Amino acid sequence: MRTLFSNRWLSVALFTVVIAASASAQVPAIDYLGFGWEDGGLPPSNPGDLFTFVGVADSADPMFGVDLGATELTFYGYDLISTGEIPIGGGMYMVNFVGGMLDIYVDGGMDADWGITPPNATAPSTFGNGTLFFRGEFNDFTVFFTAAGSGSYEGNLNGIEGELIGGVCTGCAYTWGGVFTTGTGAQIPDGYDFQMDGVFEVDPAIADETATWSDVKTLYR
């Protein structure tokens, strides 16, 4: 079942520094916790490896109209293909992924269960049931990580279908990002590679403000 994390203050601090965002703008967001895995484990990330993740929202902007006390918002990311890890200096690595989809469901059953050693009887199936709230195709997805296993990720999506599109938001930009931690200091079910903590943001006019390599590398020194 879902796990609470004691190191969310660190995750929020890292995410604020690494992920591109406007200092003044406030955009509607869904905060989530989750776990992911990659073929053969991560690190390393080898060309052709598939990256998959599942998660559950723990808060959502009121504009989404979802009562998390009565329903759950679940996330399922799949078909992200690694192009291989690249050292970028300072003990850091970068991985670009191609392809990939993100599904978000509203589920009154509230049955999300990670289980162990995914894919399994409950993951990803209990994260991909209910009513489709959003389906998006990744335009890009990039992961940064250290040899020790901590890191960050960010992706931009095209919205394809779901209640969110045309209902809550029309012509919006969609961003998925956060930080992750591997085994050390994380609470990870057996068979998963990392713990994820981040936000899904919706913005009708998002500005391009990207962190530099120096910004990212300084974070882990």
C-alpha atoms as a PDB file:
ATOM      1  CA  MET A   1       0.000   0.000   0.000  1.00  0.00           C
ATOM      2  CA  ARG A   2       1.026   3.683  -0.107  1.00  0.00           C
ATOM      3  CA  THR A   3       4.073   4.739   1.899  1.00  0.00           C
ATOM      4  CA  LEU A   4       4.716   8.084   3.614  1.00  0.00           C
ATOM      5  CA  PHE A   5       8.209   9.556   3.317  1.00  0.00           C
ATOM      6  CA  SER A   6      10.212  11.364   5.972  1.00  0.00           C
ATOM      7  CA  ASN A   7      12.524  13.216   3.580  1.00  0.00           C
ATOM      8  CA  ARG A   8       9.958  15.250   1.613  1.00  0.00           C
ATOM      9  CA  TRP A   9      11.531  18.515   2.808  1.00  0.00           C
ATOM     10  CA  LEU A  10      14.733  17.551   0.955  1.00  0.00           C
ATOM     11  CA  SER A  11      12.791  16.547  -2.149  1.00  0.00           C
ATOM     12  CA  VAL A  12      10.972  19.874  -2.256  1.00  0.00           C
ATOM     13  CA  ALA A  13      14.228  21.799  -1.852  1.00  0.00           C
ATOM     14  CA  LEU A  14      15.945  19.876  -4.643  1.00  0.00           C
ATOM     15  CA  PHE A  15      12.959  20.190  -6.943  1.00  0.00           C
ATOM     16  CA  THR A  16      12.795  23.960  -6.430  1.00  0.00           C
ATOM     17  CA  VAL A  17      16.422  24.356  -7.534  1.00  0.00           C
ATOM     18  CA  VAL A  18      16.536  21.916 -10.430  1.00  0.00           C
ATOM     19  CA  ILE A  19      13.194  22.055 -12.203  1.00  0.00           C
ATOM     20  CA  ALA A  20      12.482  24.965 -14.540  1.00  0.00           C
ATOM     21  CA  ALA A  21       9.836  27.274 -13.171  1.00  0.00           C
ATOM     22  CA  SER A  22       8.895  30.895 -12.999  1.00  0.00           C
ATOM     23  CA  ALA A  23       9.753  32.530  -9.696  1.00  0.00           C
ATOM     24  CA  SER A  24       6.636  34.665  -9.701  1.00  0.00           C
ATOM     25  CA  ALA A  25       4.000  32.575 -11.465  1.00  0.00           C
ATOM     26  CA  GLN A  26       1.774  30.125  -9.637  1.00  0.00           C
ATOM     27  CA  VAL A  27       0.405  27.382 -11.848  1.00  0.00           C
ATOM     28  CA  PRO A  28      -2.147  24.708 -10.919  1.00  0.00           C
ATOM     29  CA  ALA A  29      -0.378  21.542  -9.835  1.00  0.00           C
ATOM     30  CA  ILE A  30      -0.904  18.025  -8.546  1.00  0.00           C
ATOM     31  CA  ASP A  31       1.672  16.810  -6.037  1.00  0.00           C
ATOM     32  CA  TYR A  32       2.444  13.096  -6.075  1.00  0.00           C
ATOM     33  CA  LEU A  33       4.512  10.300  -4.585  1.00  0.00           C
ATOM     34  CA  GLY A  34       5.475   7.151  -6.445  1.00  0.00           C
ATOM     35  CA  PHE A  35       7.978   4.494  -7.441  1.00  0.00           C
ATOM     36  CA  GLY A  36       9.578   3.513 -10.719  1.00  0.00           C
ATOM     37  CA  TRP A  37      11.718   0.906 -12.379  1.00  0.00           C
ATOM     38  CA  GLU A  38      13.849   0.497 -15.480  1.00  0.00           C
ATOM     39  CA  ASP A  39      14.914  -2.660 -17.305  1.00  0.00           C
ATOM     40  CA  GLY A  40      18.075  -3.881 -15.614  1.00  0.00           C
ATOM     41  CA  GLY A  41      17.814  -1.232 -12.855  1.00  0.00           C
ATOM     42  CA  LEU A  42      18.784   2.431 -12.616  1.00  0.00           C
ATOM     43  CA  PRO A  43      21.639   3.277 -12.473  1.00  0.00           C
ATOM     44  CA  PRO A  44      22.953   2.377 -14.983  1.00  0.00           C
ATOM     45  CA  SER A  45      20.584   3.310 -17.798  1.00  0.00           C
ATOM     46  CA  ASN A  46      21.375   1.400 -20.970  1.00  0.00           C
ATOM     47  CA  PRO A  47      20.188   2.259 -24.501  1.00  0.00           C
ATOM     48  CA  GLY A  48      16.836   0.647 -25.168  1.00  0.00           C
ATOM     49  CA  ASP A  49      15.901   0.171 -21.502  1.00  0.00           C
ATOM     50  CA  LEU A  50      12.239   0.872 -20.741  1.00  0.00           C
ATOM     51  CA  PHE A  51      11.424   3.254 -17.891  1.00  0.00           C
ATOM     52  CA  THR A  52       8.084   2.832 -16.040  1.00  0.00           C
ATOM     53  CA  PHE A  53       6.587   4.544 -13.005  1.00  0.00           C
ATOM     54  CA  VAL A  54       3.386   4.549 -10.951  1.00  0.00           C
ATOM     55  CA  GLY A  55       2.232   7.042  -8.344  1.00  0.00           C
ATOM     56  CA  VAL A  56      -0.580   8.559  -6.290  1.00  0.00           C
ATOM     57  CA  ALA A  57      -1.462  12.225  -5.754  1.00  0.00           C
ATOM     58  CA  ASP A  58      -1.289  13.528  -2.205  1.00  0.00           C
ATOM     59  CA  SER A  59      -2.605  17.023  -3.015  1.00  0.00           C
ATOM     60  CA  ALA A  60      -4.246  18.752  -5.969  1.00  0.00           C
ATOM     61  CA  ASP A  61      -5.161  22.329  -6.823  1.00  0.00           C
ATOM     62  CA  PRO A  62      -8.913  22.969  -6.362  1.00  0.00           C
ATOM     63  CA  MET A  63      -9.230  23.830 -10.063  1.00  0.00           C
ATOM     64  CA  PHE A  64      -8.956  20.110 -10.870  1.00  0.00           C
ATOM     65  CA  GLY A  65     -12.210  19.427  -9.016  1.00  0.00           C
ATOM     66  CA  VAL A  66     -10.998  16.170  -7.457  1.00  0.00           C
ATOM     67  CA  ASP A  67     -11.786  15.318  -3.825  1.00  0.00           C
ATOM     68  CA  LEU A  68      -8.803  13.259  -2.685  1.00  0.00           C
ATOM     69  CA  GLY A  69     -10.714  12.282   0.444  1.00  0.00           C
ATOM     70  CA  ALA A  70     -13.243  10.343  -1.636  1.00  0.00           C
ATOM     71  CA  THR A  71     -11.237   9.420  -4.736  1.00  0.00           C
ATOM     72  CA  GLU A  72      -7.614   9.012  -5.712  1.00  0.00           C
ATOM     73  CA  LEU A  73      -5.615  10.349  -8.619  1.00  0.00           C
ATOM     74  CA  THR A  74      -3.224   7.690  -9.863  1.00  0.00           C
ATOM     75  CA  PHE A  75      -0.378   8.004 -12.371  1.00  0.00           C
ATOM     76  CA  TYR A  76       1.062   5.516 -14.819  1.00  0.00           C
ATOM     77  CA  GLY A  77       4.027   6.407 -17.023  1.00  0.00           C
ATOM     78  CA  TYR A  78       5.169   3.892 -19.619  1.00  0.00           C
ATOM     79  CA  ASP A  79       7.027   3.221 -22.897  1.00  0.00           C
ATOM     80  CA  LEU A  80       9.845   5.688 -22.120  1.00  0.00           C
ATOM     81  CA  ILE A  81      12.929   4.397 -23.968  1.00  0.00           C
ATOM     82  CA  SER A  82      16.422   5.238 -22.713  1.00  0.00           C
ATOM     83  CA  THR A  83      19.026   6.560 -25.139  1.00  0.00           C
ATOM     84  CA  GLY A  84      21.748   5.673 -22.608  1.00  0.00           C
ATOM     85  CA  GLU A  85      23.402   7.604 -19.811  1.00  0.00           C
ATOM     86  CA  ILE A  86      25.936  10.340 -20.534  1.00  0.00           C
ATOM     87  CA  PRO A  87      28.468  11.670 -17.965  1.00  0.00           C
ATOM     88  CA  ILE A  88      28.176  15.460 -17.718  1.00  0.00           C
ATOM     89  CA  GLY A  89      30.849  16.121 -15.105  1.00  0.00           C
ATOM     90  CA  GLY A  90      30.927  16.554 -11.370  1.00  0.00           C
ATOM     91  CA  GLY A  91      29.932  12.931 -10.821  1.00  0.00           C
ATOM     92  CA  MET A  92      26.615  13.470 -12.607  1.00  0.00           C
ATOM     93  CA  TYR A  93      24.935  11.634 -15.453  1.00  0.00           C
ATOM     94  CA  MET A  94      22.149  12.558 -17.840  1.00  0.00           C
ATOM     95  CA  VAL A  95      19.681  10.270 -19.603  1.00  0.00           C
ATOM     96  CA  ASN A  96      17.339  11.378 -22.378  1.00  0.00           C
ATOM     97  CA  PHE A  97      14.292   9.224 -23.054  1.00  0.00           C
ATOM     98  CA  VAL A  98      12.249   9.061 -26.241  1.00  0.00           C
ATOM     99  CA  GLY A  99       8.590   8.215 -26.646  1.00  0.00           C
ATOM    100  CA  GLY A 100       6.542   7.550 -23.566  1.00  0.00           C
ATOM    101  CA  MET A 101       3.037   8.183 -22.278  1.00  0.00           C
ATOM    102  CA  LEU A 102       1.540   9.433 -19.018  1.00  0.00           C
ATOM    103  CA  ASP A 103      -1.950   8.393 -17.896  1.00  0.00           C
ATOM    104  CA  ILE A 104      -3.759   9.912 -14.910  1.00  0.00           C
ATOM    105  CA  TYR A 105      -6.911   8.266 -13.557  1.00  0.00           C
ATOM    106  CA  VAL A 106      -9.610   9.285 -11.075  1.00  0.00           C
ATOM    107  CA  ASP A 107     -10.546   6.192  -9.094  1.00  0.00           C
ATOM    108  CA  GLY A 108     -13.254   5.962  -6.456  1.00  0.00           C
ATOM    109  CA  GLY A 109     -12.057   2.490  -5.521  1.00  0.00           C
ATOM    110  CA  MET A 110      -8.899   3.928  -3.931  1.00  0.00           C
ATOM    111  CA  ASP A 111      -7.132   0.611  -4.439  1.00  0.00           C
ATOM    112  CA  ALA A 112      -3.664   1.697  -5.597  1.00  0.00           C
ATOM    113  CA  ASP A 113      -1.130  -0.842  -4.398  1.00  0.00           C
ATOM    114  CA  TRP A 114       2.530  -0.966  -5.453  1.00  0.00           C
ATOM    115  CA  GLY A 115       3.147  -4.512  -4.332  1.00  0.00           C
ATOM    116  CA  ILE A 116       6.645  -5.864  -5.032  1.00  0.00           C
ATOM    117  CA  THR A 117       8.729  -6.770  -8.091  1.00  0.00           C
ATOM    118  CA  PRO A 118       6.755  -4.961 -10.794  1.00  0.00           C
ATOM    119  CA  PRO A 119       5.042  -5.579 -13.076  1.00  0.00           C
ATOM    120  CA  ASN A 120       2.904  -7.593 -10.667  1.00  0.00           C
ATOM    121  CA  ALA A 121      -0.739  -8.329  -9.841  1.00  0.00           C
ATOM    122  CA  THR A 122      -1.416  -4.763  -8.617  1.00  0.00           C
ATOM    123  CA  ALA A 123       1.130  -2.547 -10.383  1.00  0.00           C
ATOM    124  CA  PRO A 124       0.591  -1.051 -12.839  1.00  0.00           C
ATOM    125  CA  SER A 125      -3.020  -2.331 -13.049  1.00  0.00           C
ATOM    126  CA  THR A 126      -4.380  -0.530  -9.933  1.00  0.00           C
ATOM    127  CA  PHE A 127      -2.830   2.722 -11.159  1.00  0.00           C
ATOM    128  CA  GLY A 128      -4.480   2.465 -14.579  1.00  0.00           C
ATOM    129  CA  ASN A 129      -8.105   1.894 -13.593  1.00  0.00           C
ATOM    130  CA  GLY A 130     -11.011   4.265 -12.991  1.00  0.00           C
ATOM    131  CA  THR A 131     -11.899   7.234 -15.216  1.00  0.00           C
ATOM    132  CA  LEU A 132      -9.243   8.630 -17.543  1.00  0.00           C
ATOM    133  CA  PHE A 133      -8.452  12.141 -16.302  1.00  0.00           C
ATOM    134  CA  PHE A 134      -5.485  12.846 -18.570  1.00  0.00           C
ATOM    135  CA  ARG A 135      -3.431  11.091 -21.208  1.00  0.00           C
ATOM    136  CA  GLY A 136      -0.368  12.767 -22.615  1.00  0.00           C
ATOM    137  CA  GLU A 137       2.526  11.936 -24.900  1.00  0.00           C
ATOM    138  CA  PHE A 138       5.989  13.014 -23.777  1.00  0.00           C
ATOM    139  CA  ASN A 139       7.745  15.485 -26.057  1.00  0.00           C
ATOM    140  CA  ASP A 140      10.877  15.054 -23.959  1.00  0.00           C
ATOM    141  CA  PHE A 141      11.901  13.399 -20.718  1.00  0.00           C
ATOM    142  CA  THR A 142      15.316  13.824 -19.083  1.00  0.00           C
ATOM    143  CA  VAL A 143      16.808  12.345 -15.926  1.00  0.00           C
ATOM    144  CA  PHE A 144      19.858  13.643 -14.044  1.00  0.00           C
ATOM    145  CA  PHE A 145      21.462  11.482 -11.349  1.00  0.00           C
ATOM    146  CA  THR A 146      24.632  10.973  -9.349  1.00  0.00           C
ATOM    147  CA  ALA A 147      26.630   7.786  -8.950  1.00  0.00           C
ATOM    148  CA  ALA A 148      25.095   7.544  -5.461  1.00  0.00           C
ATOM    149  CA  GLY A 149      21.649   7.369  -7.054  1.00  0.00           C
ATOM    150  CA  SER A 150      19.895  10.629  -6.170  1.00  0.00           C
ATOM    151  CA  GLY A 151      18.629  12.807  -8.990  1.00  0.00           C
ATOM    152  CA  SER A 152      15.903  14.760 -10.718  1.00  0.00           C
ATOM    153  CA  TYR A 153      13.732  14.474 -13.814  1.00  0.00           C
ATOM    154  CA  GLU A 154      11.539  16.638 -16.020  1.00  0.00           C
ATOM    155  CA  GLY A 155       9.338  16.086 -19.032  1.00  0.00           C
ATOM    156  CA  ASN A 156       6.917  18.052 -21.202  1.00  0.00           C
ATOM    157  CA  LEU A 157       3.786  16.524 -22.681  1.00  0.00           C
ATOM    158  CA  ASN A 158       1.196  16.972 -25.376  1.00  0.00           C
ATOM    159  CA  GLY A 159      -2.283  16.384 -23.990  1.00  0.00           C
ATOM    160  CA  ILE A 160      -4.189  13.803 -26.038  1.00  0.00           C
ATOM    161  CA  GLU A 161      -7.399  12.917 -24.198  1.00  0.00           C
ATOM    162  CA  GLY A 162      -9.139  12.738 -20.829  1.00  0.00           C
ATOM    163  CA  GLU A 163     -11.481  14.818 -18.665  1.00  0.00           C
ATOM    164  CA  LEU A 164      -8.814  17.435 -17.967  1.00  0.00           C
ATOM    165  CA  ILE A 165      -8.471  18.355 -21.636  1.00  0.00           C
ATOM    166  CA  GLY A 166     -11.263  20.624 -22.786  1.00  0.00           C
ATOM    167  CA  GLY A 167     -12.972  20.384 -19.415  1.00  0.00           C
ATOM    168  CA  VAL A 168     -10.629  22.011 -16.904  1.00  0.00           C
ATOM    169  CA  CYS A 169      -8.060  23.270 -19.380  1.00  0.00           C
ATOM    170  CA  THR A 170      -7.948  23.962 -23.118  1.00  0.00           C
ATOM    171  CA  GLY A 171      -4.711  24.638 -25.011  1.00  0.00           C
ATOM    172  CA  CYS A 172      -2.567  24.127 -21.920  1.00  0.00           C
ATOM    173  CA  ALA A 173       1.052  23.086 -21.467  1.00  0.00           C
ATOM    174  CA  TYR A 174       1.731  20.061 -19.264  1.00  0.00           C
ATOM    175  CA  THR A 175       4.899  19.453 -17.265  1.00  0.00           C
ATOM    176  CA  TRP A 176       5.929  16.420 -15.218  1.00  0.00           C
ATOM    177  CA  GLY A 177       8.938  16.641 -12.920  1.00  0.00           C
ATOM    178  CA  GLY A 178      10.469  16.008  -9.537  1.00  0.00           C
ATOM    179  CA  VAL A 179      13.298  14.277  -7.698  1.00  0.00           C
ATOM    180  CA  PHE A 180      14.079  10.646  -7.013  1.00  0.00           C
ATOM    181  CA  THR A 181      16.103   8.610  -4.551  1.00  0.00           C
ATOM    182  CA  THR A 182      17.386   5.068  -4.869  1.00  0.00           C
ATOM    183  CA  GLY A 183      17.887   2.564  -2.057  1.00  0.00           C
ATOM    184  CA  THR A 184      19.947   4.592   0.430  1.00  0.00           C
ATOM    185  CA  GLY A 185      17.656   6.664   2.635  1.00  0.00           C
ATOM    186  CA  ALA A 186      14.533   5.758   0.679  1.00  0.00           C
ATOM    187  CA  GLN A 187      11.579   3.507   1.492  1.00  0.00           C
ATOM    188  CA  ILE A 188      11.320   1.444  -1.660  1.00  0.00           C
ATOM    189  CA  PRO A 189       9.291  -1.763  -2.085  1.00  0.00           C
ATOM    190  CA  ASP A 190      11.292  -4.754  -3.269  1.00  0.00           C
ATOM    191  CA  GLY A 191      11.799  -4.792  -7.020  1.00  0.00           C
ATOM    192  CA  TYR A 192      11.436  -1.038  -7.586  1.00  0.00           C
ATOM    193  CA  ASP A 193      14.520   1.030  -8.417  1.00  0.00           C
ATOM    194  CA  PHE A 194      13.660   4.428  -6.958  1.00  0.00           C
ATOM    195  CA  GLN A 195      11.271   6.600  -5.005  1.00  0.00           C
ATOM    196  CA  MET A 196       9.729   9.593  -6.840  1.00  0.00           C
ATOM    197  CA  ASP A 197       8.431  12.890  -5.454  1.00  0.00           C
ATOM    198  CA  GLY A 198       7.236  15.683  -7.716  1.00  0.00           C
ATOM    199  CA  VAL A 199       4.454  17.660  -9.366  1.00  0.00           C
ATOM    200  CA  PHE A 200       2.319  17.598 -12.494  1.00  0.00           C
ATOM    201  CA  GLU A 201       1.795  21.207 -13.618  1.00  0.00           C
ATOM    202  CA  VAL A 202      -0.717  22.722 -16.009  1.00  0.00           C
ATOM    203  CA  ASP A 203      -0.110  26.120 -17.575  1.00  0.00           C
ATOM    204  CA  PRO A 204      -1.837  27.786 -20.540  1.00  0.00           C
ATOM    205  CA  ALA A 205       1.305  29.807 -21.335  1.00  0.00           C
ATOM    206  CA  ILE A 206       4.434  28.320 -19.807  1.00  0.00           C
ATOM    207  CA  ALA A 207       7.708  30.239 -20.146  1.00  0.00           C
ATOM    208  CA  ASP A 208      10.950  28.548 -21.111  1.00  0.00           C
ATOM    209  CA  GLU A 209      13.228  28.942 -18.085  1.00  0.00           C
ATOM    210  CA  THR A 210      15.662  26.041 -18.012  1.00  0.00           C
ATOM    211  CA  ALA A 211      18.321  25.381 -15.373  1.00  0.00           C
ATOM    212  CA  THR A 212      21.914  25.415 -16.654  1.00  0.00           C
ATOM    213  CA  TRP A 213      24.340  22.484 -16.376  1.00  0.00           C
ATOM    214  CA  SER A 214      26.158  24.498 -13.708  1.00  0.00           C
ATOM    215  CA  ASP A 215      22.950  24.861 -11.689  1.00  0.00           C
ATOM    216  CA  VAL A 216      22.311  21.139 -11.795  1.00  0.00           C
ATOM    217  CA  LYS A 217      25.870  20.075 -10.985  1.00  0.00           C
ATOM    218  CA  THR A 218      26.183  22.554  -8.099  1.00  0.00           C
ATOM    219  CA  LEU A 219      23.156  20.955  -6.461  1.00  0.00           C
ATOM    220  CA  TYR A 220      25.042  17.688  -5.848  1.00  0.00           C
ATOM    221  CA  ARG A 221      28.433  19.025  -4.805  1.00  0.00           C
END
